N, C-alpha and C. Protein backbone atom coordinates (compact mmCIF):
# COMPACT_ATOMS: atom_id res chain seq x y z
N UNK A 1 53.06 93.26 43.23
CA UNK A 1 53.38 94.70 44.38
C UNK A 1 54.62 95.09 44.31
N UNK A 2 54.99 96.11 43.73
CA UNK A 2 56.52 96.93 43.93
C UNK A 2 56.88 97.08 45.88
N UNK A 3 58.05 96.87 45.91
CA UNK A 3 58.40 97.42 47.37
C UNK A 3 60.08 97.38 47.07
N UNK A 4 60.26 98.89 46.61
CA UNK A 4 60.80 99.64 45.91
C UNK A 4 61.65 101.27 46.60
N UNK A 5 62.95 101.62 47.39
CA UNK A 5 62.58 102.01 48.06
C UNK A 5 64.42 103.18 47.72
N UNK A 6 63.53 104.16 46.75
CA UNK A 6 64.82 104.91 46.53
C UNK A 6 65.54 106.33 47.79
N UNK A 7 66.07 106.42 47.20
CA UNK A 7 66.99 108.11 47.49
C UNK A 7 67.45 109.32 46.64
N UNK A 8 66.67 110.41 46.33
CA UNK A 8 66.88 111.45 45.64
C UNK A 8 68.16 111.71 45.60
N UNK A 9 68.94 112.06 44.52
CA UNK A 9 70.27 111.90 44.76
C UNK A 9 70.63 113.26 43.87
N UNK A 10 69.80 114.05 43.27
CA UNK A 10 69.43 114.96 42.62
C UNK A 10 69.71 116.81 43.56
N UNK A 11 69.50 117.30 42.51
CA UNK A 11 69.43 119.23 43.00
C UNK A 11 67.92 119.26 43.22
N UNK A 12 67.66 120.37 44.26
CA UNK A 12 66.22 120.65 44.51
C UNK A 12 66.48 121.32 43.65
N UNK A 13 66.98 122.47 43.04
CA UNK A 13 67.25 123.98 42.02
C UNK A 13 67.95 123.23 41.07
N UNK A 14 66.93 123.19 39.72
CA UNK A 14 67.65 122.86 38.80
C UNK A 14 67.03 124.12 37.75
N UNK A 15 68.90 124.41 36.65
CA UNK A 15 68.00 125.59 35.89
C UNK A 15 68.15 125.27 34.71
N UNK A 16 67.44 125.76 33.51
CA UNK A 16 66.94 125.57 32.77
C UNK A 16 67.38 126.03 31.57
N UNK A 17 67.88 125.34 30.28
CA UNK A 17 68.12 126.23 29.49
C UNK A 17 68.01 127.52 28.81
N UNK A 18 66.71 128.15 29.38
CA UNK A 18 66.49 130.21 29.32
C UNK A 18 66.27 130.59 30.42
N UNK A 19 67.41 129.64 31.57
CA UNK A 19 67.59 130.73 32.47
C UNK A 19 66.74 130.52 33.79
N UNK A 20 65.41 129.88 33.88
CA UNK A 20 64.65 130.03 34.36
C UNK A 20 65.38 129.02 35.55
N UNK A 21 64.61 129.30 36.68
CA UNK A 21 64.88 127.91 37.85
C UNK A 21 63.73 127.66 38.11
N UNK A 22 63.83 125.85 38.52
CA UNK A 22 62.38 124.86 38.66
C UNK A 22 63.78 124.21 40.06
N UNK A 23 61.85 124.37 40.76
CA UNK A 23 62.47 124.08 41.95
C UNK A 23 61.79 122.82 41.91
N UNK A 24 62.54 121.55 42.54
CA UNK A 24 61.26 120.05 42.57
C UNK A 24 61.07 119.48 43.92
N UNK A 25 60.16 118.40 43.81
CA UNK A 25 58.95 118.68 45.12
C UNK A 25 59.40 117.42 45.71
N UNK A 26 61.10 117.11 45.67
CA UNK A 26 61.63 116.34 46.14
C UNK A 26 63.17 117.00 46.62
N UNK A 27 62.85 116.53 48.01
CA UNK A 27 64.52 116.78 48.54
C UNK A 27 65.88 116.14 48.63
N UNK A 28 66.79 116.27 48.73
CA UNK A 28 67.83 115.64 48.55
C UNK A 28 68.57 114.90 49.46
N UNK A 29 68.85 113.49 49.34
CA UNK A 29 68.99 112.34 49.97
C UNK A 29 67.93 111.35 50.97
N UNK A 30 66.12 112.56 51.20
CA UNK A 30 65.22 112.19 51.47
C UNK A 30 64.84 110.06 50.82
N UNK A 31 64.35 109.59 51.35
CA UNK A 31 63.74 108.25 50.70
C UNK A 31 62.66 108.04 50.48
N UNK A 32 61.99 107.87 49.36
CA UNK A 32 60.75 107.73 48.72
C UNK A 32 60.59 106.38 48.78
N UNK A 33 59.18 105.67 48.70
CA UNK A 33 58.66 104.15 48.49
C UNK A 33 58.42 104.45 46.78
N UNK A 34 58.47 103.76 46.08
CA UNK A 34 57.85 103.82 44.92
C UNK A 34 56.53 102.95 45.03
N UNK A 35 55.51 104.04 44.06
CA UNK A 35 54.48 103.50 43.60
C UNK A 35 54.03 102.57 42.53
N UNK A 36 54.80 102.78 41.24
CA UNK A 36 54.70 102.06 40.22
C UNK A 36 56.64 102.40 39.33
N UNK A 37 56.28 101.64 38.47
CA UNK A 37 57.93 102.12 37.36
C UNK A 37 56.69 102.04 36.01
N UNK A 38 56.82 103.35 35.30
CA UNK A 38 55.43 102.51 34.10
C UNK A 38 56.61 104.04 33.77
N UNK A 39 56.72 103.36 31.93
CA UNK A 39 57.66 103.88 30.94
C UNK A 39 58.88 103.79 31.53
N UNK A 40 59.81 103.07 32.20
CA UNK A 40 61.19 103.48 33.04
C UNK A 40 61.28 104.40 34.28
N UNK A 41 59.84 105.10 34.22
CA UNK A 41 59.70 106.57 35.63
C UNK A 41 59.49 105.74 36.38
N UNK A 42 59.79 106.47 37.83
CA UNK A 42 59.67 106.38 39.23
C UNK A 42 58.38 107.17 39.51
N UNK A 43 56.56 106.56 39.99
CA UNK A 43 56.33 106.90 41.03
C UNK A 43 56.09 106.74 42.02
N UNK A 44 56.43 107.92 42.73
CA UNK A 44 56.56 108.40 43.93
C UNK A 44 55.08 109.57 43.63
N UNK A 45 54.95 109.77 45.56
CA UNK A 45 54.70 110.62 46.13
C UNK A 45 55.66 111.75 46.38
N UNK A 46 55.64 112.94 46.14
CA UNK A 46 56.59 113.89 46.85
C UNK A 46 55.96 114.69 47.76
N UNK A 47 57.11 115.73 47.79
CA UNK A 47 56.45 116.41 48.95
C UNK A 47 55.52 117.72 48.66
N UNK A 48 54.74 117.64 48.15
CA UNK A 48 53.74 118.44 47.37
C UNK A 48 52.19 117.67 47.70
N UNK A 49 52.49 116.51 48.17
CA UNK A 49 51.65 114.81 48.38
C UNK A 49 50.67 114.69 47.59
N UNK A 50 51.56 114.41 45.89
CA UNK A 50 50.92 114.46 44.76
C UNK A 50 51.89 113.10 44.04
N UNK A 51 51.66 112.23 43.26
CA UNK A 51 52.42 110.85 42.80
C UNK A 51 52.37 111.84 41.80
N UNK A 52 53.72 112.07 41.32
CA UNK A 52 54.47 112.22 39.78
C UNK A 52 55.33 111.21 39.42
N UNK A 53 55.76 110.94 38.32
CA UNK A 53 56.88 109.77 37.68
C UNK A 53 58.64 111.23 37.43
N UNK A 54 59.35 110.17 37.71
CA UNK A 54 60.27 111.20 38.05
C UNK A 54 61.87 110.36 37.50
N UNK A 55 62.79 110.75 36.46
CA UNK A 55 63.39 109.59 35.93
C UNK A 55 64.32 108.77 37.31
N UNK A 56 64.97 107.89 36.63
CA UNK A 56 65.20 107.07 37.64
C UNK A 56 67.30 107.53 38.06
N UNK A 57 67.27 108.04 36.66
CA UNK A 57 68.82 108.72 36.87
C UNK A 57 69.40 109.57 38.08
N UNK A 58 68.04 110.10 38.82
CA UNK A 58 68.29 111.69 40.17
C UNK A 58 68.02 110.64 40.81
N UNK A 59 67.45 109.05 40.88
CA UNK A 59 67.30 108.39 42.15
C UNK A 59 68.32 107.09 42.51
N UNK A 60 69.20 106.65 43.88
CA UNK A 60 69.47 105.36 44.25
C UNK A 60 69.21 104.43 44.69
N UNK A 61 68.79 103.28 44.30
CA UNK A 61 68.03 102.45 44.94
C UNK A 61 68.71 101.84 46.12
N UNK A 62 67.80 102.00 47.78
CA UNK A 62 68.10 101.69 48.95
C UNK A 62 67.57 100.37 49.76
N UNK A 63 66.39 100.00 48.77
CA UNK A 63 66.08 98.52 49.37
C UNK A 63 65.53 98.12 48.38
N UNK A 64 65.88 96.79 47.78
CA UNK A 64 64.61 96.53 46.94
C UNK A 64 64.82 95.12 47.05
N UNK A 65 64.21 94.74 48.19
CA UNK A 65 64.28 93.51 48.79
C UNK A 65 62.62 93.19 48.64
N UNK A 66 62.38 91.97 47.80
CA UNK A 66 61.39 91.40 48.07
C UNK A 66 60.07 91.72 49.05
N UNK A 67 58.06 90.79 49.24
CA UNK A 67 57.70 91.34 50.15
C UNK A 67 57.59 90.38 51.09
N UNK A 68 57.72 90.76 52.28
CA UNK A 68 57.42 89.31 53.56
C UNK A 68 56.50 89.04 53.08
N UNK A 69 56.72 87.07 53.29
CA UNK A 69 55.60 86.40 53.20
C UNK A 69 55.26 85.97 54.73
N UNK A 70 53.76 86.64 54.85
CA UNK A 70 53.14 85.96 55.93
C UNK A 70 52.70 84.75 56.40
N UNK A 71 53.15 83.74 57.53
CA UNK A 71 53.76 82.65 57.71
C UNK A 71 52.54 82.27 59.03
N UNK A 72 51.38 81.66 58.31
CA UNK A 72 50.53 81.68 59.82
C UNK A 72 50.08 80.34 60.67
């Protein structure tokens, strides 16, 4: 089980080589929980409320502590 929280450090609006603008469904400085890591990309639920893969260089890890064990 992955317990990894990341903060988006990229821009919401991205220029493409053909002069179009792409608006990302992640918010700068918002913290997201990683569902999985697939081929080096983070799978998160973004503002569209769907899960998508995002490149790790656009995020900063804010919490990667192991899950707490339950003691009975």
